[in-house]
Amino acid sequence: MLNRPAYLTPDSLNCGDDSLSTARPAEFWRDPTISYVESRRASQSRACYKLHSHPTFSIGAVDAGGSRFTGTSGGPYNLQLGMMAFIPAGCVHACNPLPDQSRNDQMPHLDATWLRNVVTEMSDIPGGFIKESEIRRLDDEDVYGLFCELNTLLFSNADAEEKNAALISA
């Protein structure tokens, strides 16, 4: 069963006093029959977060606006439309909107053991962007497109079997 991440309370001190004035609530998807994954997506968010970690492997993607991502060894960097961050369980990070901007983003959380087992079983998958202890960023239009299709499927009314098959083959 997924060790659910504790969703964070926005940190208004981190982004300025008016940063949450236009924030919209995030949307969450969970299915108890697919206990190894859950997802969050936000629209027009100005919510800011302190450095934190998740007990899951998380994949963050920016769908509109921009974000300042902190947590990689190369220092903070900006994420723009279509850019993704692959965050192993336990890696400390923060992703906040750029000054005076909102952002749309999505972040599925995958049970790290489940993901490791799937990757191990799929011999044709190169190590690529799934690392055990290193946050990786990716700017690849094709991968981002497939990621968006998968997350859209998770939030849809498709049955659990279809979602499970898509997660395994992704």
Foldseek 3Di string as FASTA:
>chain_A
DAPFWDDDDFDCVVADVCQQVPFDDKDKFDDVVQHFKIKIKGDQHQGWDDWDFGQFWKKKAWQAAKKWKAFAPVGIDMHHHQKMKTHAGPGIMIIGGDHPGGTIMMMMTGHRVVVVVLVVVPVVDPCPCDDHHGMDMDRDNVVSVLVVVLVVVSVDPDDPVVNVVSVSVD
